[in-house]
Amino acid sequence: MPSPFPGMDPYLERPSLWPDVHASLIIALRDALSPMVGPKYYVAVEERVYLVEPEERRLVGQPDVAIVGEREPAGGAGATATATMPTARIVEVPIPAPEPARLTYLEVREPPGDEVVTTIEILSHVNKRPGPGRRQYEEKRLEVLSSFTNLVEIDLLRAYPPMEVRPIDGGEPSDYRILVSRADQRPRAVLFAFSVREPIPAFPLTLRPGEPEPPVDLRSLLDGIYERAAYHRRIDYRKPPDPRLTESDAEWAQAILREQVPQ
C-alpha cells in the first residue's frame, strides 16, 4: 500500500526509522538520476563519517550500579602503615566518547577526471541536530558553497533548526525544504519550502550552466521505497508521529488516517 499522506509522510521521520528511509532514498535517487545525466555524467554514492556523542552518555561520571573490584592499599596486602585505610572502589562509568556515524550522499561526476559537478545531500538527525555532527556538516556545506560545485540539499525532517539560508523576503517557517544552489548564481539560490499538508515539489537537478536541468520527482521515489520496504507494517498510525505535529496538523492527519488506513 502507498503512504496515506499527499506529501511527506511525517511518520517516516521517526529517528529509529529514518536511517532506513535515508539509505533507501539515496539508492533510489542514484538509480533515478543515472539515466537522466548519462552518458556525460555518472552518479556516485559517497560516504561521510561523523563523530557524534550519544545523548545517553553526556553525563560524565554517572556510575554503573555494579562494583567491579576493589583496589588494595599501596604496598599490597602486607602493608601495615595503611592497613586501616579504607579501600578504593572501582566502578564502571560511561564517558562521552565520540562514536562514528556514517551517512551517504550523492555526487554527480564528470569523467574522465571525475570532477564533482553537483552534490546531493539528504539531511539526517545526525547532521541536523545541534552538536558536533551538525558542525561537521556545516563545515562541509560551506566548502561546497565556496566552490564551483552545485548543491542540492533535501531536508525532510521537522526536528531541529533548518540549515541557514537568508530568504530575501524574510521567509515563512516551513516543515520541509529543498535547497538548489547553482554554483554560477551564488549567493542566490532557490528554496522549495513546503508543509506536511502540501505535495513534495519536483526540483531541478542542476548541472553545468546552460545545460538542461531534469526534474526530480522525489514524491514518486518515496512512494516506491515505501512500498518496497513495507513501511506500513513498521508504522503504527494509531500513535502520534515523532516528532509530533502541531495541533491543527494533527487533526488534519487524523482525518486522513481515518479515511485511508484500516483501523
C-alpha atoms as a PDB file:
ATOM      1  CA  MET A   1       0.000   0.000   0.000  1.00  0.00           C
ATOM      2  CA  PRO A   2       1.223   3.590  -0.612  1.00  0.00           C
ATOM      3  CA  SER A   3       1.634   6.216   2.070  1.00  0.00           C
ATOM      4  CA  PRO A   4      -1.734   7.688   3.076  1.00  0.00           C
ATOM      5  CA  PHE A   5      -0.417  11.256   3.008  1.00  0.00           C
ATOM      6  CA  PRO A   6      -0.410  13.505  -0.072  1.00  0.00           C
ATOM      7  CA  GLY A   7       3.114  14.763   0.573  1.00  0.00           C
ATOM      8  CA  MET A   8       5.814  13.836   3.063  1.00  0.00           C
ATOM      9  CA  ASP A   9       4.680  11.132   5.480  1.00  0.00           C
ATOM     10  CA  PRO A  10       5.544  12.552   8.933  1.00  0.00           C
ATOM     11  CA  TYR A  11       5.703   9.033  10.385  1.00  0.00           C
ATOM     12  CA  LEU A  12       8.805   8.339   8.279  1.00  0.00           C
ATOM     13  CA  GLU A  13      10.687  10.925  10.339  1.00  0.00           C
ATOM     14  CA  ARG A  14      10.827   8.696  13.409  1.00  0.00           C
ATOM     15  CA  PRO A  15      14.504   8.609  14.486  1.00  0.00           C
ATOM     16  CA  SER A  16      14.599   4.810  14.650  1.00  0.00           C
ATOM     17  CA  LEU A  17      13.116   4.501  11.131  1.00  0.00           C
ATOM     18  CA  TRP A  18      14.767   7.423   9.348  1.00  0.00           C
ATOM     19  CA  PRO A  19      18.194   5.764   8.811  1.00  0.00           C
ATOM     20  CA  ASP A  20      16.461   3.086   6.725  1.00  0.00           C
ATOM     21  CA  VAL A  21      14.481   5.734   4.827  1.00  0.00           C
ATOM     22  CA  HIS A  22      17.632   7.809   4.259  1.00  0.00           C
ATOM     23  CA  ALA A  23      19.688   4.888   2.920  1.00  0.00           C
ATOM     24  CA  SER A  24      16.847   3.680   0.694  1.00  0.00           C
ATOM     25  CA  LEU A  25      16.192   7.146  -0.721  1.00  0.00           C
ATOM     26  CA  ILE A  26      19.864   7.658  -1.544  1.00  0.00           C
ATOM     27  CA  ILE A  27      19.912   4.484  -3.653  1.00  0.00           C
ATOM     28  CA  ALA A  28      16.545   5.288  -5.252  1.00  0.00           C
ATOM     29  CA  LEU A  29      17.809   8.759  -6.179  1.00  0.00           C
ATOM     30  CA  ARG A  30      21.018   7.341  -7.651  1.00  0.00           C
ATOM     31  CA  ASP A  31      19.103   4.840  -9.749  1.00  0.00           C
ATOM     32  CA  ALA A  32      16.652   7.503 -10.965  1.00  0.00           C
ATOM     33  CA  LEU A  33      19.271  10.137 -11.744  1.00  0.00           C
ATOM     34  CA  SER A  34      21.800   7.940 -13.542  1.00  0.00           C
ATOM     35  CA  PRO A  35      19.849   7.619 -16.815  1.00  0.00           C
ATOM     36  CA  MET A  36      18.938  11.329 -16.625  1.00  0.00           C
ATOM     37  CA  VAL A  37      22.543  12.519 -16.594  1.00  0.00           C
ATOM     38  CA  GLY A  38      24.244   9.829 -18.675  1.00  0.00           C
ATOM     39  CA  PRO A  39      26.290   9.332 -20.669  1.00  0.00           C
ATOM     40  CA  LYS A  40      28.077  12.614 -19.969  1.00  0.00           C
ATOM     41  CA  TYR A  41      27.904  12.239 -16.175  1.00  0.00           C
ATOM     42  CA  TYR A  42      27.538   9.470 -13.626  1.00  0.00           C
ATOM     43  CA  VAL A  43      26.130   9.462 -10.084  1.00  0.00           C
ATOM     44  CA  ALA A  44      28.295   8.123  -7.248  1.00  0.00           C
ATOM     45  CA  VAL A  45      27.252   7.149  -3.726  1.00  0.00           C
ATOM     46  CA  GLU A  46      29.738   8.663  -1.282  1.00  0.00           C
ATOM     47  CA  GLU A  47      30.086   8.261   2.466  1.00  0.00           C
ATOM     48  CA  ARG A  48      30.983  10.743   5.173  1.00  0.00           C
ATOM     49  CA  VAL A  49      31.834   9.794   8.766  1.00  0.00           C
ATOM     50  CA  TYR A  50      30.570  11.992  11.599  1.00  0.00           C
ATOM     51  CA  LEU A  51      31.750  11.799  15.187  1.00  0.00           C
ATOM     52  CA  VAL A  52      28.728  12.147  17.415  1.00  0.00           C
ATOM     53  CA  GLU A  53      28.198  11.841  21.148  1.00  0.00           C
ATOM     54  CA  PRO A  54      25.282   9.623  22.169  1.00  0.00           C
ATOM     55  CA  GLU A  55      22.768  11.569  24.225  1.00  0.00           C
ATOM     56  CA  GLU A  56      22.660   8.901  26.872  1.00  0.00           C
ATOM     57  CA  ARG A  57      26.383   9.335  27.609  1.00  0.00           C
ATOM     58  CA  ARG A  58      26.514  13.079  28.130  1.00  0.00           C
ATOM     59  CA  LEU A  59      26.847  12.880  31.903  1.00  0.00           C
ATOM     60  CA  VAL A  60      30.442  12.157  32.781  1.00  0.00           C
ATOM     61  CA  GLY A  61      30.902  10.073  35.879  1.00  0.00           C
ATOM     62  CA  GLN A  62      27.432   8.604  36.192  1.00  0.00           C
ATOM     63  CA  PRO A  63      28.366   5.266  37.818  1.00  0.00           C
ATOM     64  CA  ASP A  64      27.172   1.861  36.916  1.00  0.00           C
ATOM     65  CA  VAL A  65      25.315   0.093  39.699  1.00  0.00           C
ATOM     66  CA  ALA A  66      27.823  -2.735  39.942  1.00  0.00           C
ATOM     67  CA  ILE A  67      31.177  -2.553  41.753  1.00  0.00           C
ATOM     68  CA  VAL A  68      33.648  -4.499  39.640  1.00  0.00           C
ATOM     69  CA  GLY A  69      36.568  -4.616  42.054  1.00  0.00           C
ATOM     70  CA  GLU A  70      38.435  -3.062  44.947  1.00  0.00           C
ATOM     71  CA  ARG A  71      41.921  -1.591  44.943  1.00  0.00           C
ATOM     72  CA  GLU A  72      44.369  -2.741  47.592  1.00  0.00           C
ATOM     73  CA  PRO A  73      46.255  -0.164  49.625  1.00  0.00           C
ATOM     74  CA  ALA A  74      49.689   0.853  48.386  1.00  0.00           C
ATOM     75  CA  GLY A  75      52.259  -1.740  49.318  1.00  0.00           C
ATOM     76  CA  GLY A  76      49.955  -4.727  48.970  1.00  0.00           C
ATOM     77  CA  ALA A  77      48.099  -6.783  51.496  1.00  0.00           C
ATOM     78  CA  GLY A  78      51.061  -6.905  53.892  1.00  0.00           C
ATOM     79  CA  ALA A  79      51.419  -3.149  54.299  1.00  0.00           C
ATOM     80  CA  THR A  80      50.898  -2.038  57.897  1.00  0.00           C
ATOM     81  CA  ALA A  81      51.032   1.766  57.588  1.00  0.00           C
ATOM     82  CA  THR A  82      47.830   1.834  55.527  1.00  0.00           C
ATOM     83  CA  ALA A  83      46.167  -1.280  56.857  1.00  0.00           C
ATOM     84  CA  THR A  84      43.411   0.752  58.473  1.00  0.00           C
ATOM     85  CA  MET A  85      42.814   2.984  55.412  1.00  0.00           C
ATOM     86  CA  PRO A  86      39.582   2.267  53.526  1.00  0.00           C
ATOM     87  CA  THR A  87      39.989   0.643  50.140  1.00  0.00           C
ATOM     88  CA  ALA A  88      39.033   2.477  46.937  1.00  0.00           C
ATOM     89  CA  ARG A  89      36.042   1.264  44.988  1.00  0.00           C
ATOM     90  CA  ILE A  90      36.444   0.595  41.272  1.00  0.00           C
ATOM     91  CA  VAL A  91      33.251   1.174  39.331  1.00  0.00           C
ATOM     92  CA  GLU A  92      32.341   1.236  35.660  1.00  0.00           C
ATOM     93  CA  VAL A  93      31.265   4.657  34.441  1.00  0.00           C
ATOM     94  CA  PRO A  94      30.169   5.891  30.994  1.00  0.00           C
ATOM     95  CA  ILE A  95      32.185   8.696  29.413  1.00  0.00           C
ATOM     96  CA  PRO A  96      31.135  10.870  26.445  1.00  0.00           C
ATOM     97  CA  ALA A  97      33.284   9.047  23.888  1.00  0.00           C
ATOM     98  CA  PRO A  98      32.514  10.138  20.314  1.00  0.00           C
ATOM     99  CA  GLU A  99      31.161   7.365  18.121  1.00  0.00           C
ATOM    100  CA  PRO A 100      31.327   7.211  14.319  1.00  0.00           C
ATOM    101  CA  ALA A 101      28.106   7.616  12.363  1.00  0.00           C
ATOM    102  CA  ARG A 102      28.234   7.019   8.629  1.00  0.00           C
ATOM    103  CA  LEU A 103      25.931   8.843   6.231  1.00  0.00           C
ATOM    104  CA  THR A 104      25.782   8.526   2.478  1.00  0.00           C
ATOM    105  CA  TYR A 105      25.246  11.288  -0.052  1.00  0.00           C
ATOM    106  CA  LEU A 106      25.423  11.607  -3.836  1.00  0.00           C
ATOM    107  CA  GLU A 107      27.791  13.277  -6.247  1.00  0.00           C
ATOM    108  CA  VAL A 108      27.202  13.848  -9.940  1.00  0.00           C
ATOM    109  CA  ARG A 109      30.643  13.462 -11.511  1.00  0.00           C
ATOM    110  CA  GLU A 110      32.074  14.046 -14.968  1.00  0.00           C
ATOM    111  CA  PRO A 111      34.555  11.527 -16.381  1.00  0.00           C
ATOM    112  CA  PRO A 112      37.344  11.062 -17.230  1.00  0.00           C
ATOM    113  CA  GLY A 113      38.645  13.344 -14.467  1.00  0.00           C
ATOM    114  CA  ASP A 114      35.759  12.522 -12.075  1.00  0.00           C
ATOM    115  CA  GLU A 115      35.179  16.210 -11.367  1.00  0.00           C
ATOM    116  CA  VAL A 116      32.258  16.797  -8.988  1.00  0.00           C
ATOM    117  CA  VAL A 117      29.517  18.801 -10.707  1.00  0.00           C
ATOM    118  CA  THR A 118      26.699  18.531  -8.154  1.00  0.00           C
ATOM    119  CA  THR A 119      26.495  17.335  -4.565  1.00  0.00           C
ATOM    120  CA  ILE A 120      23.151  15.995  -3.317  1.00  0.00           C
ATOM    121  CA  GLU A 121      22.607  15.798   0.428  1.00  0.00           C
ATOM    122  CA  ILE A 122      19.656  14.333   2.310  1.00  0.00           C
ATOM    123  CA  LEU A 123      19.734  15.613   5.874  1.00  0.00           C
ATOM    124  CA  SER A 124      19.517  13.224   8.783  1.00  0.00           C
ATOM    125  CA  HIS A 125      19.229  13.581  12.542  1.00  0.00           C
ATOM    126  CA  VAL A 126      22.988  13.109  12.829  1.00  0.00           C
ATOM    127  CA  ASN A 127      23.879  16.191  10.809  1.00  0.00           C
ATOM    128  CA  LYS A 128      20.864  18.338  11.698  1.00  0.00           C
ATOM    129  CA  ARG A 129      20.770  18.025  15.481  1.00  0.00           C
ATOM    130  CA  PRO A 130      22.806  20.820  17.167  1.00  0.00           C
ATOM    131  CA  GLY A 131      26.170  19.456  18.234  1.00  0.00           C
ATOM    132  CA  PRO A 132      29.375  18.094  16.696  1.00  0.00           C
ATOM    133  CA  GLY A 133      27.599  16.277  13.844  1.00  0.00           C
ATOM    134  CA  ARG A 134      25.866  19.451  12.695  1.00  0.00           C
ATOM    135  CA  ARG A 135      29.064  21.483  12.979  1.00  0.00           C
ATOM    136  CA  GLN A 136      30.901  18.954  10.821  1.00  0.00           C
ATOM    137  CA  TYR A 137      28.158  19.062   8.214  1.00  0.00           C
ATOM    138  CA  GLU A 138      28.032  22.866   8.209  1.00  0.00           C
ATOM    139  CA  GLU A 139      31.778  22.958   7.527  1.00  0.00           C
ATOM    140  CA  LYS A 140      31.387  20.579   4.569  1.00  0.00           C
ATOM    141  CA  ARG A 141      28.378  22.555   3.358  1.00  0.00           C
ATOM    142  CA  LEU A 142      30.382  25.770   3.427  1.00  0.00           C
ATOM    143  CA  GLU A 143      33.165  24.103   1.434  1.00  0.00           C
ATOM    144  CA  VAL A 144      30.685  23.169  -1.301  1.00  0.00           C
ATOM    145  CA  LEU A 145      29.075  26.621  -1.290  1.00  0.00           C
ATOM    146  CA  SER A 146      32.539  28.173  -1.633  1.00  0.00           C
ATOM    147  CA  SER A 147      33.401  26.000  -4.635  1.00  0.00           C
ATOM    148  CA  PHE A 148      32.269  25.602  -8.228  1.00  0.00           C
ATOM    149  CA  THR A 149      30.072  22.628  -7.252  1.00  0.00           C
ATOM    150  CA  ASN A 150      26.289  22.842  -7.298  1.00  0.00           C
ATOM    151  CA  LEU A 151      24.428  21.829  -4.132  1.00  0.00           C
ATOM    152  CA  VAL A 152      21.039  20.172  -3.710  1.00  0.00           C
ATOM    153  CA  GLU A 153      20.098  19.886  -0.034  1.00  0.00           C
ATOM    154  CA  ILE A 154      16.963  17.910   0.865  1.00  0.00           C
ATOM    155  CA  ASP A 155      15.521  18.409   4.351  1.00  0.00           C
ATOM    156  CA  LEU A 156      12.555  16.128   5.086  1.00  0.00           C
ATOM    157  CA  LEU A 157      12.845  16.373   8.867  1.00  0.00           C
ATOM    158  CA  ARG A 158      10.821  18.732  11.032  1.00  0.00           C
ATOM    159  CA  ALA A 159      13.082  18.151  14.022  1.00  0.00           C
ATOM    160  CA  TYR A 160      15.831  20.670  14.848  1.00  0.00           C
ATOM    161  CA  PRO A 161      16.531  24.089  13.291  1.00  0.00           C
ATOM    162  CA  PRO A 162      16.816  24.202   9.489  1.00  0.00           C
ATOM    163  CA  MET A 163      20.130  24.903   7.801  1.00  0.00           C
ATOM    164  CA  GLU A 164      20.961  28.557   7.349  1.00  0.00           C
ATOM    165  CA  VAL A 165      19.638  30.488   4.375  1.00  0.00           C
ATOM    166  CA  ARG A 166      18.802  34.152   4.080  1.00  0.00           C
ATOM    167  CA  PRO A 167      15.463  34.497   2.296  1.00  0.00           C
ATOM    168  CA  ILE A 168      15.139  37.814   0.506  1.00  0.00           C
ATOM    169  CA  ASP A 169      11.525  38.267   1.615  1.00  0.00           C
ATOM    170  CA  GLY A 170      12.157  37.293   5.229  1.00  0.00           C
ATOM    171  CA  GLY A 171      10.716  33.843   4.588  1.00  0.00           C
ATOM    172  CA  GLU A 172       7.954  31.895   6.277  1.00  0.00           C
ATOM    173  CA  PRO A 173       8.552  28.877   8.505  1.00  0.00           C
ATOM    174  CA  SER A 174       8.122  25.581   6.673  1.00  0.00           C
ATOM    175  CA  ASP A 175       8.076  21.928   7.653  1.00  0.00           C
ATOM    176  CA  TYR A 176      10.357  20.746   4.859  1.00  0.00           C
ATOM    177  CA  ARG A 177      12.771  22.344   2.416  1.00  0.00           C
ATOM    178  CA  ILE A 178      14.753  21.573  -0.714  1.00  0.00           C
ATOM    179  CA  LEU A 179      17.596  23.963  -1.469  1.00  0.00           C
ATOM    180  CA  VAL A 180      19.007  24.192  -5.004  1.00  0.00           C
ATOM    181  CA  SER A 181      22.191  26.246  -5.135  1.00  0.00           C
ATOM    182  CA  ARG A 182      23.665  26.729  -8.579  1.00  0.00           C
ATOM    183  CA  ALA A 183      27.370  27.491  -8.419  1.00  0.00           C
ATOM    184  CA  ASP A 184      27.176  30.213 -11.083  1.00  0.00           C
ATOM    185  CA  GLN A 185      24.332  32.067  -9.303  1.00  0.00           C
ATOM    186  CA  ARG A 186      25.645  32.308  -5.750  1.00  0.00           C
ATOM    187  CA  PRO A 187      24.944  33.866  -3.331  1.00  0.00           C
ATOM    188  CA  ARG A 188      21.406  33.463  -4.664  1.00  0.00           C
ATOM    189  CA  ALA A 189      19.723  30.054  -4.512  1.00  0.00           C
ATOM    190  CA  VAL A 190      16.246  28.566  -4.940  1.00  0.00           C
ATOM    191  CA  LEU A 191      14.441  27.266  -1.866  1.00  0.00           C
ATOM    192  CA  PHE A 192      11.422  24.965  -2.211  1.00  0.00           C
ATOM    193  CA  ALA A 193       9.615  25.266   1.126  1.00  0.00           C
ATOM    194  CA  PHE A 194       6.530  23.164   1.796  1.00  0.00           C
ATOM    195  CA  SER A 195       4.369  21.937   4.658  1.00  0.00           C
ATOM    196  CA  VAL A 196       3.267  18.489   5.742  1.00  0.00           C
ATOM    197  CA  ARG A 197      -0.079  19.139   4.024  1.00  0.00           C
ATOM    198  CA  GLU A 198       1.414  20.014   0.636  1.00  0.00           C
ATOM    199  CA  PRO A 199       2.763  17.762  -2.123  1.00  0.00           C
ATOM    200  CA  ILE A 200       6.520  17.351  -2.299  1.00  0.00           C
ATOM    201  CA  PRO A 201       7.620  19.599  -5.175  1.00  0.00           C
ATOM    202  CA  ALA A 202       9.757  18.304  -8.006  1.00  0.00           C
ATOM    203  CA  PHE A 203      13.143  20.016  -8.067  1.00  0.00           C
ATOM    204  CA  PRO A 204      15.585  20.618 -10.943  1.00  0.00           C
ATOM    205  CA  LEU A 205      18.870  18.725 -10.985  1.00  0.00           C
ATOM    206  CA  THR A 206      21.309  21.483 -11.826  1.00  0.00           C
ATOM    207  CA  LEU A 207      24.380  20.557 -13.856  1.00  0.00           C
ATOM    208  CA  ARG A 208      26.691  22.774 -15.925  1.00  0.00           C
ATOM    209  CA  PRO A 209      25.490  26.303 -16.744  1.00  0.00           C
ATOM    210  CA  GLY A 210      23.247  26.300 -19.795  1.00  0.00           C
ATOM    211  CA  GLU A 211      22.575  22.555 -19.701  1.00  0.00           C
ATOM    212  CA  PRO A 212      19.035  21.163 -19.345  1.00  0.00           C
ATOM    213  CA  GLU A 213      18.023  20.506 -15.756  1.00  0.00           C
ATOM    214  CA  PRO A 214      15.967  17.298 -15.499  1.00  0.00           C
ATOM    215  CA  PRO A 215      13.148  17.459 -12.930  1.00  0.00           C
ATOM    216  CA  VAL A 216      13.375  15.057  -9.997  1.00  0.00           C
ATOM    217  CA  ASP A 217      10.081  13.694  -8.651  1.00  0.00           C
ATOM    218  CA  LEU A 218      11.018  12.999  -5.043  1.00  0.00           C
ATOM    219  CA  ARG A 219       7.494  12.007  -4.067  1.00  0.00           C
ATOM    220  CA  SER A 220       7.371   9.124  -6.549  1.00  0.00           C
ATOM    221  CA  LEU A 221      10.716   7.879  -5.244  1.00  0.00           C
ATOM    222  CA  LEU A 222       9.423   7.950  -1.670  1.00  0.00           C
ATOM    223  CA  ASP A 223       6.284   6.100  -2.750  1.00  0.00           C
ATOM    224  CA  GLY A 224       8.451   3.425  -4.328  1.00  0.00           C
ATOM    225  CA  ILE A 225      10.615   2.804  -1.277  1.00  0.00           C
ATOM    226  CA  TYR A 226       7.548   2.991   0.999  1.00  0.00           C
ATOM    227  CA  GLU A 227       6.045   0.026  -0.817  1.00  0.00           C
ATOM    228  CA  ARG A 228       9.270  -1.949  -1.341  1.00  0.00           C
ATOM    229  CA  ALA A 229      10.290  -1.566   2.304  1.00  0.00           C
ATOM    230  CA  ALA A 230       6.722  -2.215   3.524  1.00  0.00           C
ATOM    231  CA  TYR A 231       6.868   0.765   5.870  1.00  0.00           C
ATOM    232  CA  HIS A 232       3.140   0.427   6.534  1.00  0.00           C
ATOM    233  CA  ARG A 233       3.998  -2.708   8.528  1.00  0.00           C
ATOM    234  CA  ARG A 234       6.549  -0.828  10.621  1.00  0.00           C
ATOM    235  CA  ILE A 235       4.473   2.262  11.351  1.00  0.00           C
ATOM    236  CA  ASP A 236       1.736   2.396  13.952  1.00  0.00           C
ATOM    237  CA  TYR A 237      -0.583   5.068  12.585  1.00  0.00           C
ATOM    238  CA  ARG A 238      -2.702   4.837  15.732  1.00  0.00           C
ATOM    239  CA  LYS A 239       0.023   6.751  17.625  1.00  0.00           C
ATOM    240  CA  PRO A 240       1.273  10.321  17.057  1.00  0.00           C
ATOM    241  CA  PRO A 241       4.322  10.723  14.792  1.00  0.00           C
ATOM    242  CA  ASP A 242       7.752  11.514  16.228  1.00  0.00           C
ATOM    243  CA  PRO A 243       8.186  14.464  16.333  1.00  0.00           C
ATOM    244  CA  ARG A 244       4.566  15.382  16.959  1.00  0.00           C
ATOM    245  CA  LEU A 245       2.595  17.586  14.606  1.00  0.00           C
ATOM    246  CA  THR A 246       1.047  20.886  15.600  1.00  0.00           C
ATOM    247  CA  GLU A 247      -2.488  20.629  16.931  1.00  0.00           C
ATOM    248  CA  SER A 248      -4.118  21.726  13.675  1.00  0.00           C
ATOM    249  CA  ASP A 249      -1.872  19.489  11.551  1.00  0.00           C
ATOM    250  CA  ALA A 250      -2.532  16.561  13.900  1.00  0.00           C
ATOM    251  CA  GLU A 251      -6.279  16.967  13.386  1.00  0.00           C
ATOM    252  CA  TRP A 252      -5.736  17.110   9.626  1.00  0.00           C
ATOM    253  CA  ALA A 253      -3.568  13.976   9.740  1.00  0.00           C
ATOM    254  CA  GLN A 254      -6.090  12.066  11.836  1.00  0.00           C
ATOM    255  CA  ALA A 255      -8.821  12.857   9.337  1.00  0.00           C
ATOM    256  CA  ILE A 256      -6.670  11.415   6.543  1.00  0.00           C
ATOM    257  CA  LEU A 257      -5.760   8.326   8.548  1.00  0.00           C
ATOM    258  CA  ARG A 258      -9.383   7.608   9.468  1.00  0.00           C
ATOM    259  CA  GLU A 259     -10.211   7.610   5.773  1.00  0.00           C
ATOM    260  CA  GLN A 260      -7.107   5.916   4.349  1.00  0.00           C
ATOM    261  CA  VAL A 261      -5.811   3.464   6.955  1.00  0.00           C
ATOM    262  CA  PRO A 262      -7.876   0.454   8.086  1.00  0.00           C
ATOM    263  CA  GLN A 263      -8.343   0.554  11.850  1.00  0.00           C
END
